[in-house]
């Protein structure tokens, strides 16, 4: 049950995650984003497998198992979009803390 709903959701989340990960600064290297994207995919896939096993063993509920990993990856996607679209997100954070 988790895989039937989780795989289309993960395809949607991964396609949204590909947008900020495909950003390339012409003056910087191109391989770092590719390595980070591969690591994020492996982490995401493994976390989906772990939550499916936990739901099968009834350690967590099906709703929590289905939504927790996707929500975390969506939050990461939103954070990456914010970092790519804002002019200087880290400077703004430093100024507000002072």
C-alpha atoms as a PDB file:
ATOM      1  CA  UNK A   1       0.000   0.000   0.000  1.00  0.00           C
ATOM      2  CA  UNK A   2       2.781   2.431   0.917  1.00  0.00           C
ATOM      3  CA  UNK A   3       4.638   1.771  -2.351  1.00  0.00           C
ATOM      4  CA  UNK A   4       1.553   2.317  -4.501  1.00  0.00           C
ATOM      5  CA  UNK A   5       1.128   5.842  -3.202  1.00  0.00           C
ATOM      6  CA  UNK A   6       4.754   6.518  -2.304  1.00  0.00           C
ATOM      7  CA  UNK A   7       6.328   5.919  -5.704  1.00  0.00           C
ATOM      8  CA  UNK A   8       4.250   8.510  -7.601  1.00  0.00           C
ATOM      9  CA  UNK A   9       4.781  10.968  -4.751  1.00  0.00           C
ATOM     10  CA  UNK A  10       8.510  10.345  -4.787  1.00  0.00           C
ATOM     11  CA  UNK A  11       8.610  10.846  -8.562  1.00  0.00           C
ATOM     12  CA  UNK A  12       6.895  14.218  -8.104  1.00  0.00           C
ATOM     13  CA  UNK A  13       9.170  15.251  -5.237  1.00  0.00           C
ATOM     14  CA  UNK A  14      12.309  14.153  -7.104  1.00  0.00           C
ATOM     15  CA  UNK A  15      11.257  16.047 -10.222  1.00  0.00           C
ATOM     16  CA  UNK A  16      10.750  19.187  -8.132  1.00  0.00           C
ATOM     17  CA  UNK A  17      14.076  18.592  -6.404  1.00  0.00           C
ATOM     18  CA  UNK A  18      15.808  18.362  -9.775  1.00  0.00           C
ATOM     19  CA  UNK A  19      14.990  21.993 -10.569  1.00  0.00           C
ATOM     20  CA  UNK A  20      17.175  23.667  -7.914  1.00  0.00           C
ATOM     21  CA  UNK A  21      19.790  20.909  -8.172  1.00  0.00           C
ATOM     22  CA  UNK A  22      20.224  21.556 -11.902  1.00  0.00           C
ATOM     23  CA  UNK A  23      21.358  25.135 -11.291  1.00  0.00           C
ATOM     24  CA  UNK A  24      24.954  25.550 -12.421  1.00  0.00           C
ATOM     25  CA  UNK A  25      27.156  28.523 -11.770  1.00  0.00           C
ATOM     26  CA  UNK A  26      29.265  28.990 -14.923  1.00  0.00           C
ATOM     27  CA  UNK A  27      32.330  29.848 -12.849  1.00  0.00           C
ATOM     28  CA  UNK A  28      32.046  26.857 -10.552  1.00  0.00           C
ATOM     29  CA  UNK A  29      32.326  23.139 -11.101  1.00  0.00           C
ATOM     30  CA  UNK A  30      29.383  21.146 -12.360  1.00  0.00           C
ATOM     31  CA  UNK A  31      29.902  17.851 -10.593  1.00  0.00           C
ATOM     32  CA  UNK A  32      29.075  18.874  -7.012  1.00  0.00           C
ATOM     33  CA  UNK A  33      25.338  19.256  -7.634  1.00  0.00           C
ATOM     34  CA  UNK A  34      25.275  15.926  -9.441  1.00  0.00           C
ATOM     35  CA  UNK A  35      26.941  14.151  -6.512  1.00  0.00           C
ATOM     36  CA  UNK A  36      24.609  15.832  -4.001  1.00  0.00           C
ATOM     37  CA  UNK A  37      21.582  14.874  -6.107  1.00  0.00           C
ATOM     38  CA  UNK A  38      22.717  11.240  -6.264  1.00  0.00           C
ATOM     39  CA  UNK A  39      23.256  11.152  -2.502  1.00  0.00           C
ATOM     40  CA  UNK A  40      19.828  12.725  -1.871  1.00  0.00           C
ATOM     41  CA  UNK A  41      18.183  10.146  -4.127  1.00  0.00           C
ATOM     42  CA  UNK A  42      19.895   7.266  -2.303  1.00  0.00           C
ATOM     43  CA  UNK A  43      18.919   8.724   1.083  1.00  0.00           C
ATOM     44  CA  UNK A  44      15.329   9.254  -0.053  1.00  0.00           C
ATOM     45  CA  UNK A  45      15.018   5.765  -1.505  1.00  0.00           C
ATOM     46  CA  UNK A  46      16.496   4.131   1.587  1.00  0.00           C
ATOM     47  CA  UNK A  47      14.248   6.112   3.915  1.00  0.00           C
ATOM     48  CA  UNK A  48      11.206   5.025   1.897  1.00  0.00           C
ATOM     49  CA  UNK A  49      12.314   1.393   2.240  1.00  0.00           C
ATOM     50  CA  UNK A  50      12.873   1.760   5.965  1.00  0.00           C
ATOM     51  CA  UNK A  51       9.482   3.351   6.563  1.00  0.00           C
ATOM     52  CA  UNK A  52       7.807   0.648   4.476  1.00  0.00           C
ATOM     53  CA  UNK A  53       9.450  -2.009   6.648  1.00  0.00           C
ATOM     54  CA  UNK A  54       8.384  -0.188   9.808  1.00  0.00           C
ATOM     55  CA  UNK A  55       4.791   0.000   8.588  1.00  0.00           C
ATOM     56  CA  UNK A  56       4.875  -3.712   7.698  1.00  0.00           C
ATOM     57  CA  UNK A  57       6.169  -4.490  11.209  1.00  0.00           C
ATOM     58  CA  UNK A  58       3.516  -2.141  12.657  1.00  0.00           C
ATOM     59  CA  UNK A  59       6.108   0.014  14.431  1.00  0.00           C
ATOM     60  CA  UNK A  60       4.554   3.167  12.957  1.00  0.00           C
ATOM     61  CA  UNK A  61       1.193   3.915  11.425  1.00  0.00           C
ATOM     62  CA  UNK A  62       0.602   3.895   7.679  1.00  0.00           C
ATOM     63  CA  UNK A  63      -0.215   7.612   7.483  1.00  0.00           C
ATOM     64  CA  UNK A  64       2.955   8.617   9.319  1.00  0.00           C
ATOM     65  CA  UNK A  65       5.022   6.153   7.328  1.00  0.00           C
ATOM     66  CA  UNK A  66       3.664   7.433   4.055  1.00  0.00           C
ATOM     67  CA  UNK A  67       3.954  11.132   4.752  1.00  0.00           C
ATOM     68  CA  UNK A  68       7.013  11.672   6.960  1.00  0.00           C
ATOM     69  CA  UNK A  69       9.747  11.058   4.380  1.00  0.00           C
ATOM     70  CA  UNK A  70       7.905  12.964   1.663  1.00  0.00           C
ATOM     71  CA  UNK A  71       7.342  15.966   3.914  1.00  0.00           C
ATOM     72  CA  UNK A  72      11.034  16.070   4.859  1.00  0.00           C
ATOM     73  CA  UNK A  73      12.108  15.946   1.220  1.00  0.00           C
ATOM     74  CA  UNK A  74       9.553  18.586   0.248  1.00  0.00           C
ATOM     75  CA  UNK A  75      10.900  20.834   2.996  1.00  0.00           C
ATOM     76  CA  UNK A  76      14.415  20.293   1.664  1.00  0.00           C
ATOM     77  CA  UNK A  77      13.189  21.135  -1.838  1.00  0.00           C
ATOM     78  CA  UNK A  78      11.590  24.358  -0.613  1.00  0.00           C
ATOM     79  CA  UNK A  79      14.800  25.285   1.206  1.00  0.00           C
ATOM     80  CA  UNK A  80      16.859  24.674  -1.948  1.00  0.00           C
ATOM     81  CA  UNK A  81      14.436  26.768  -4.010  1.00  0.00           C
ATOM     82  CA  UNK A  82      14.750  29.556  -1.438  1.00  0.00           C
ATOM     83  CA  UNK A  83      18.539  29.410  -1.519  1.00  0.00           C
ATOM     84  CA  UNK A  84      18.645  29.467  -5.337  1.00  0.00           C
ATOM     85  CA  UNK A  85      16.064  32.215  -5.860  1.00  0.00           C
ATOM     86  CA  UNK A  86      17.063  34.672  -3.177  1.00  0.00           C
ATOM     87  CA  UNK A  87      19.926  37.041  -3.796  1.00  0.00           C
ATOM     88  CA  UNK A  88      21.836  36.391  -0.588  1.00  0.00           C
ATOM     89  CA  UNK A  89      19.881  34.239   1.894  1.00  0.00           C
ATOM     90  CA  UNK A  90      22.773  33.693   4.299  1.00  0.00           C
ATOM     91  CA  UNK A  91      23.532  37.406   4.662  1.00  0.00           C
ATOM     92  CA  UNK A  92      19.913  38.089   5.543  1.00  0.00           C
ATOM     93  CA  UNK A  93      20.033  35.441   8.251  1.00  0.00           C
ATOM     94  CA  UNK A  94      23.210  36.912   9.749  1.00  0.00           C
ATOM     95  CA  UNK A  95      21.782  40.439   9.793  1.00  0.00           C
ATOM     96  CA  UNK A  96      18.584  39.399  11.574  1.00  0.00           C
ATOM     97  CA  UNK A  97      20.494  37.620  14.353  1.00  0.00           C
ATOM     98  CA  UNK A  98      22.470  40.677  15.399  1.00  0.00           C
END
